Amino acid sequence: MATSCRPRCPRAVATPPDPRAVREYAERHERAALVAKHFHAAQQWDYESWQQRRVEDKQGGA
């Protein structure tokens, strides 16, 4: 029985990453981080207090 000299894991051989793939990966993660930041801010949003302050501002400025 012949044995193979190839590595068991195809990822064992280090190949340089494709710069386009790395750029796309970074852009995707940047967009995901912005969405997560927006989602977190939306969780903290207090619409009722904002509405009340807006009414007060309009009454004071009119």
PDB file of N, CA and C in Angstrom:
ATOM      1  N   MET A   1       0.846  -1.183   0.000  1.00  0.00           N
ATOM      2  CA  MET A   1       0.000   0.000   0.000  1.00  0.00           C
ATOM      3  C   MET A   1       0.891   1.246   0.000  1.00  0.00           C
ATOM      4  N   ALA A   2       0.659   2.121  -0.939  1.00  0.00           N
ATOM      5  CA  ALA A   2       1.483   3.320  -1.073  1.00  0.00           C
ATOM      6  C   ALA A   2       0.944   4.417  -0.162  1.00  0.00           C
ATOM      7  N   THR A   3       1.836   5.159   0.412  1.00  0.00           N
ATOM      8  CA  THR A   3       1.423   6.280   1.257  1.00  0.00           C
ATOM      9  C   THR A   3       1.598   7.577   0.486  1.00  0.00           C
ATOM     10  N   SER A   4       0.767   8.516   0.781  1.00  0.00           N
ATOM     11  CA  SER A   4       0.821   9.809   0.107  1.00  0.00           C
ATOM     12  C   SER A   4       1.671  10.766   0.924  1.00  0.00           C
ATOM     13  N   CYS A   5       2.404  11.608   0.238  1.00  0.00           N
ATOM     14  CA  CYS A   5       3.214  12.594   0.949  1.00  0.00           C
ATOM     15  C   CYS A   5       2.490  13.935   1.052  1.00  0.00           C
ATOM     16  N   ARG A   6       1.239  13.983   0.580  1.00  0.00           N
ATOM     17  CA  ARG A   6       0.469  15.225   0.669  1.00  0.00           C
ATOM     18  C   ARG A   6       0.023  15.463   2.110  1.00  0.00           C
ATOM     19  N   PRO A   7      -0.112  16.710   2.512  1.00  0.00           N
ATOM     20  CA  PRO A   7      -0.596  16.987   3.873  1.00  0.00           C
ATOM     21  C   PRO A   7      -2.039  16.512   4.027  1.00  0.00           C
ATOM     22  N   ARG A   8      -2.400  16.155   5.232  1.00  0.00           N
ATOM     23  CA  ARG A   8      -3.757  15.668   5.499  1.00  0.00           C
ATOM     24  C   ARG A   8      -4.792  16.758   5.312  1.00  0.00           C
ATOM     25  N   CYS A   9      -4.474  17.925   5.767  1.00  0.00           N
ATOM     26  CA  CYS A   9      -5.415  19.046   5.705  1.00  0.00           C
ATOM     27  C   CYS A   9      -5.038  19.932   4.524  1.00  0.00           C
ATOM     28  N   PRO A  10      -5.990  20.233   3.638  1.00  0.00           N
ATOM     29  CA  PRO A  10      -5.639  21.090   2.502  1.00  0.00           C
ATOM     30  C   PRO A  10      -5.215  22.492   2.922  1.00  0.00           C
ATOM     31  N   ARG A  11      -5.568  22.915   4.113  1.00  0.00           N
ATOM     32  CA  ARG A  11      -5.185  24.248   4.583  1.00  0.00           C
ATOM     33  C   ARG A  11      -3.804  24.260   5.220  1.00  0.00           C
ATOM     34  N   ALA A  12      -3.178  23.092   5.286  1.00  0.00           N
ATOM     35  CA  ALA A  12      -1.860  23.019   5.904  1.00  0.00           C
ATOM     36  C   ALA A  12      -0.824  23.774   5.078  1.00  0.00           C
ATOM     37  N   VAL A  13      -1.053  23.888   3.786  1.00  0.00           N
ATOM     38  CA  VAL A  13      -0.137  24.621   2.921  1.00  0.00           C
ATOM     39  C   VAL A  13      -0.560  26.080   2.928  1.00  0.00           C
ATOM     40  N   ALA A  14       0.330  26.943   3.360  1.00  0.00           N
ATOM     41  CA  ALA A  14       0.003  28.366   3.458  1.00  0.00           C
ATOM     42  C   ALA A  14       0.078  29.005   2.079  1.00  0.00           C
ATOM     43  N   THR A  15      -1.028  29.584   1.658  1.00  0.00           N
ATOM     44  CA  THR A  15      -1.050  30.333   0.405  1.00  0.00           C
ATOM     45  C   THR A  15      -1.436  31.762   0.741  1.00  0.00           C
ATOM     46  N   PRO A  16      -0.865  32.714   0.061  1.00  0.00           N
ATOM     47  CA  PRO A  16      -1.213  34.107   0.364  1.00  0.00           C
ATOM     48  C   PRO A  16      -2.674  34.380   0.009  1.00  0.00           C
ATOM     49  N   PRO A  17      -3.372  35.134   0.838  1.00  0.00           N
ATOM     50  CA  PRO A  17      -4.781  35.425   0.559  1.00  0.00           C
ATOM     51  C   PRO A  17      -4.923  36.368  -0.628  1.00  0.00           C
ATOM     52  N   ASP A  18      -6.033  36.232  -1.311  1.00  0.00           N
ATOM     53  CA  ASP A  18      -6.344  37.105  -2.438  1.00  0.00           C
ATOM     54  C   ASP A  18      -6.665  38.495  -1.884  1.00  0.00           C
ATOM     55  N   PRO A  19      -5.971  39.537  -2.323  1.00  0.00           N
ATOM     56  CA  PRO A  19      -6.218  40.887  -1.780  1.00  0.00           C
ATOM     57  C   PRO A  19      -7.665  41.341  -1.948  1.00  0.00           C
ATOM     58  N   ARG A  20      -8.295  40.959  -3.059  1.00  0.00           N
ATOM     59  CA  ARG A  20      -9.700  41.348  -3.260  1.00  0.00           C
ATOM     60  C   ARG A  20     -10.596  40.687  -2.224  1.00  0.00           C
ATOM     61  N   ALA A  21     -10.314  39.413  -1.940  1.00  0.00           N
ATOM     62  CA  ALA A  21     -11.121  38.698  -0.953  1.00  0.00           C
ATOM     63  C   ALA A  21     -10.940  39.312   0.431  1.00  0.00           C
ATOM     64  N   VAL A  22      -9.720  39.687   0.755  1.00  0.00           N
ATOM     65  CA  VAL A  22      -9.454  40.309   2.058  1.00  0.00           C
ATOM     66  C   VAL A  22     -10.179  41.646   2.153  1.00  0.00           C
ATOM     67  N   ARG A  23     -10.148  42.431   1.071  1.00  0.00           N
ATOM     68  CA  ARG A  23     -10.827  43.727   1.056  1.00  0.00           C
ATOM     69  C   ARG A  23     -12.339  43.543   1.211  1.00  0.00           C
ATOM     70  N   GLU A  24     -12.914  42.586   0.470  1.00  0.00           N
ATOM     71  CA  GLU A  24     -14.351  42.331   0.571  1.00  0.00           C
ATOM     72  C   GLU A  24     -14.729  41.871   1.978  1.00  0.00           C
ATOM     73  N   TYR A  25     -13.884  41.016   2.556  1.00  0.00           N
ATOM     74  CA  TYR A  25     -14.116  40.530   3.915  1.00  0.00           C
ATOM     75  C   TYR A  25     -14.128  41.702   4.900  1.00  0.00           C
ATOM     76  N   ALA A  26     -13.156  42.596   4.772  1.00  0.00           N
ATOM     77  CA  ALA A  26     -13.071  43.755   5.667  1.00  0.00           C
ATOM     78  C   ALA A  26     -14.277  44.670   5.482  1.00  0.00           C
ATOM     79  N   GLU A  27     -14.688  44.884   4.230  1.00  0.00           N
ATOM     80  CA  GLU A  27     -15.846  45.743   3.974  1.00  0.00           C
ATOM     81  C   GLU A  27     -17.120  45.142   4.557  1.00  0.00           C
ATOM     82  N   ARG A  28     -17.277  43.831   4.403  1.00  0.00           N
ATOM     83  CA  ARG A  28     -18.460  43.162   4.969  1.00  0.00           C
ATOM     84  C   ARG A  28     -18.499  43.317   6.480  1.00  0.00           C
ATOM     85  N   HIS A  29     -17.356  43.115   7.105  1.00  0.00           N
ATOM     86  CA  HIS A  29     -17.322  43.217   8.562  1.00  0.00           C
ATOM     87  C   HIS A  29     -17.486  44.656   9.032  1.00  0.00           C
ATOM     88  N   GLU A  30     -17.009  45.603   8.258  1.00  0.00           N
ATOM     89  CA  GLU A  30     -17.210  47.009   8.612  1.00  0.00           C
ATOM     90  C   GLU A  30     -18.698  47.356   8.541  1.00  0.00           C
ATOM     91  N   ARG A  31     -19.362  46.895   7.471  1.00  0.00           N
ATOM     92  CA  ARG A  31     -20.807  47.144   7.351  1.00  0.00           C
ATOM     93  C   ARG A  31     -21.569  46.463   8.482  1.00  0.00           C
ATOM     94  N   ALA A  32     -21.171  45.245   8.816  1.00  0.00           N
ATOM     95  CA  ALA A  32     -21.836  44.531   9.905  1.00  0.00           C
ATOM     96  C   ALA A  32     -21.647  45.269  11.227  1.00  0.00           C
ATOM     97  N   ALA A  33     -20.464  45.824  11.442  1.00  0.00           N
ATOM     98  CA  ALA A  33     -20.208  46.577  12.674  1.00  0.00           C
ATOM     99  C   ALA A  33     -21.069  47.834  12.727  1.00  0.00           C
ATOM    100  N   LEU A  34     -21.241  48.508  11.583  1.00  0.00           N
ATOM    101  CA  LEU A  34     -22.088  49.704  11.553  1.00  0.00           C
ATOM    102  C   LEU A  34     -23.540  49.349  11.837  1.00  0.00           C
ATOM    103  N   VAL A  35     -24.000  48.230  11.274  1.00  0.00           N
ATOM    104  CA  VAL A  35     -25.376  47.787  11.528  1.00  0.00           C
ATOM    105  C   VAL A  35     -25.539  47.451  13.004  1.00  0.00           C
ATOM    106  N   ALA A  36     -24.562  46.762  13.577  1.00  0.00           N
ATOM    107  CA  ALA A  36     -24.634  46.412  14.996  1.00  0.00           C
ATOM    108  C   ALA A  36     -24.644  47.666  15.865  1.00  0.00           C
ATOM    109  N   LYS A  37     -23.846  48.659  15.487  1.00  0.00           N
ATOM    110  CA  LYS A  37     -23.807  49.916  16.247  1.00  0.00           C
ATOM    111  C   LYS A  37     -25.160  50.620  16.162  1.00  0.00           C
ATOM    112  N   HIS A  38     -25.740  50.650  14.960  1.00  0.00           N
ATOM    113  CA  HIS A  38     -27.050  51.272  14.773  1.00  0.00           C
ATOM    114  C   HIS A  38     -28.117  50.518  15.569  1.00  0.00           C
ATOM    115  N   PHE A  39     -28.053  49.190  15.534  1.00  0.00           N
ATOM    116  CA  PHE A  39     -29.020  48.382  16.269  1.00  0.00           C
ATOM    117  C   PHE A  39     -28.917  48.659  17.767  1.00  0.00           C
ATOM    118  N   HIS A  40     -27.692  48.756  18.264  1.00  0.00           N
ATOM    119  CA  HIS A  40     -27.499  49.034  19.693  1.00  0.00           C
ATOM    120  C   HIS A  40     -28.053  50.415  20.044  1.00  0.00           C
ATOM    121  N   ALA A  41     -27.797  51.390  19.179  1.00  0.00           N
ATOM    122  CA  ALA A  41     -28.323  52.740  19.423  1.00  0.00           C
ATOM    123  C   ALA A  41     -29.846  52.733  19.391  1.00  0.00           C
ATOM    124  N   ALA A  42     -30.421  51.957  18.486  1.00  0.00           N
ATOM    125  CA  ALA A  42     -31.877  51.875  18.397  1.00  0.00           C
ATOM    126  C   ALA A  42     -32.463  51.228  19.649  1.00  0.00           C
ATOM    127  N   GLN A  43     -31.737  50.292  20.240  1.00  0.00           N
ATOM    128  CA  GLN A  43     -32.194  49.663  21.477  1.00  0.00           C
ATOM    129  C   GLN A  43     -32.249  50.684  22.613  1.00  0.00           C
ATOM    130  N   GLN A  44     -31.341  51.664  22.573  1.00  0.00           N
ATOM    131  CA  GLN A  44     -31.263  52.670  23.625  1.00  0.00           C
ATOM    132  C   GLN A  44     -32.227  53.832  23.392  1.00  0.00           C
ATOM    133  N   TRP A  45     -32.845  53.878  22.222  1.00  0.00           N
ATOM    134  CA  TRP A  45     -33.679  55.006  21.815  1.00  0.00           C
ATOM    135  C   TRP A  45     -34.910  55.115  22.703  1.00  0.00           C
ATOM    136  N   ASP A  46     -35.191  56.299  23.170  1.00  0.00           N
ATOM    137  CA  ASP A  46     -36.359  56.562  24.010  1.00  0.00           C
ATOM    138  C   ASP A  46     -37.269  57.497  23.224  1.00  0.00           C
ATOM    139  N   TYR A  47     -38.151  56.922  22.436  1.00  0.00           N
ATOM    140  CA  TYR A  47     -38.978  57.696  21.522  1.00  0.00           C
ATOM    141  C   TYR A  47     -39.925  58.632  22.264  1.00  0.00           C
ATOM    142  N   GLU A  48     -40.504  58.157  23.352  1.00  0.00           N
ATOM    143  CA  GLU A  48     -41.467  58.983  24.082  1.00  0.00           C
ATOM    144  C   GLU A  48     -40.811  60.241  24.644  1.00  0.00           C
ATOM    145  N   SER A  49     -39.643  60.103  25.232  1.00  0.00           N
ATOM    146  CA  SER A  49     -38.936  61.275  25.775  1.00  0.00           C
ATOM    147  C   SER A  49     -38.529  62.221  24.660  1.00  0.00           C
ATOM    148  N   TRP A  50     -38.105  61.673  23.536  1.00  0.00           N
ATOM    149  CA  TRP A  50     -37.725  62.506  22.405  1.00  0.00           C
ATOM    150  C   TRP A  50     -38.926  63.299  21.910  1.00  0.00           C
ATOM    151  N   GLN A  51     -40.082  62.619  21.815  1.00  0.00           N
ATOM    152  CA  GLN A  51     -41.293  63.291  21.356  1.00  0.00           C
ATOM    153  C   GLN A  51     -41.663  64.431  22.301  1.00  0.00           C
ATOM    154  N   GLN A  52     -41.586  64.176  23.589  1.00  0.00           N
ATOM    155  CA  GLN A  52     -41.936  65.190  24.578  1.00  0.00           C
ATOM    156  C   GLN A  52     -40.989  66.389  24.469  1.00  0.00           C
ATOM    157  N   ARG A  53     -39.688  66.142  24.353  1.00  0.00           N
ATOM    158  CA  ARG A  53     -38.731  67.244  24.214  1.00  0.00           C
ATOM    159  C   ARG A  53     -38.964  68.024  22.932  1.00  0.00           C
ATOM    160  N   ARG A  54     -39.334  67.330  21.878  1.00  0.00           N
ATOM    161  CA  ARG A  54     -39.583  68.019  20.611  1.00  0.00           C
ATOM    162  C   ARG A  54     -40.788  68.947  20.723  1.00  0.00           C
ATOM    163  N   VAL A  55     -41.851  68.476  21.386  1.00  0.00           N
ATOM    164  CA  VAL A  55     -43.039  69.312  21.585  1.00  0.00           C
ATOM    165  C   VAL A  55     -42.668  70.532  22.422  1.00  0.00           C
ATOM    166  N   GLU A  56     -41.882  70.321  23.481  1.00  0.00           N
ATOM    167  CA  GLU A  56     -41.459  71.438  24.327  1.00  0.00           C
ATOM    168  C   GLU A  56     -40.609  72.429  23.534  1.00  0.00           C
ATOM    169  N   ASP A  57     -39.724  71.928  22.690  1.00  0.00           N
ATOM    170  CA  ASP A  57     -38.894  72.814  21.869  1.00  0.00           C
ATOM    171  C   ASP A  57     -39.746  73.621  20.902  1.00  0.00           C
ATOM    172  N   LYS A  58     -40.725  72.983  20.300  1.00  0.00           N
ATOM    173  CA  LYS A  58     -41.589  73.688  19.347  1.00  0.00           C
ATOM    174  C   LYS A  58     -42.425  74.749  20.049  1.00  0.00           C
ATOM    175  N   GLN A  59     -42.908  74.444  21.244  1.00  0.00           N
ATOM    176  CA  GLN A  59     -43.721  75.414  21.982  1.00  0.00           C
ATOM    177  C   GLN A  59     -42.868  76.588  22.439  1.00  0.00           C
ATOM    178  N   GLY A  60     -41.663  76.310  22.840  1.00  0.00           N
ATOM    179  CA  GLY A  60     -40.772  77.371  23.301  1.00  0.00           C
ATOM    180  C   GLY A  60     -40.252  78.220  22.157  1.00  0.00           C
ATOM    181  N   GLY A  61     -40.101  77.617  20.971  1.00  0.00           N
ATOM    182  CA  GLY A  61     -39.552  78.340  19.833  1.00  0.00           C
ATOM    183  C   GLY A  61     -40.605  79.045  19.003  1.00  0.00           C
ATOM    184  N   ALA A  62     -41.890  78.730  19.224  1.00  0.00           N
ATOM    185  CA  ALA A  62     -42.951  79.315  18.390  1.00  0.00           C
ATOM    186  C   ALA A  62     -43.335  80.691  18.851  1.00  0.00           C
TER     187      ALA A  62
END
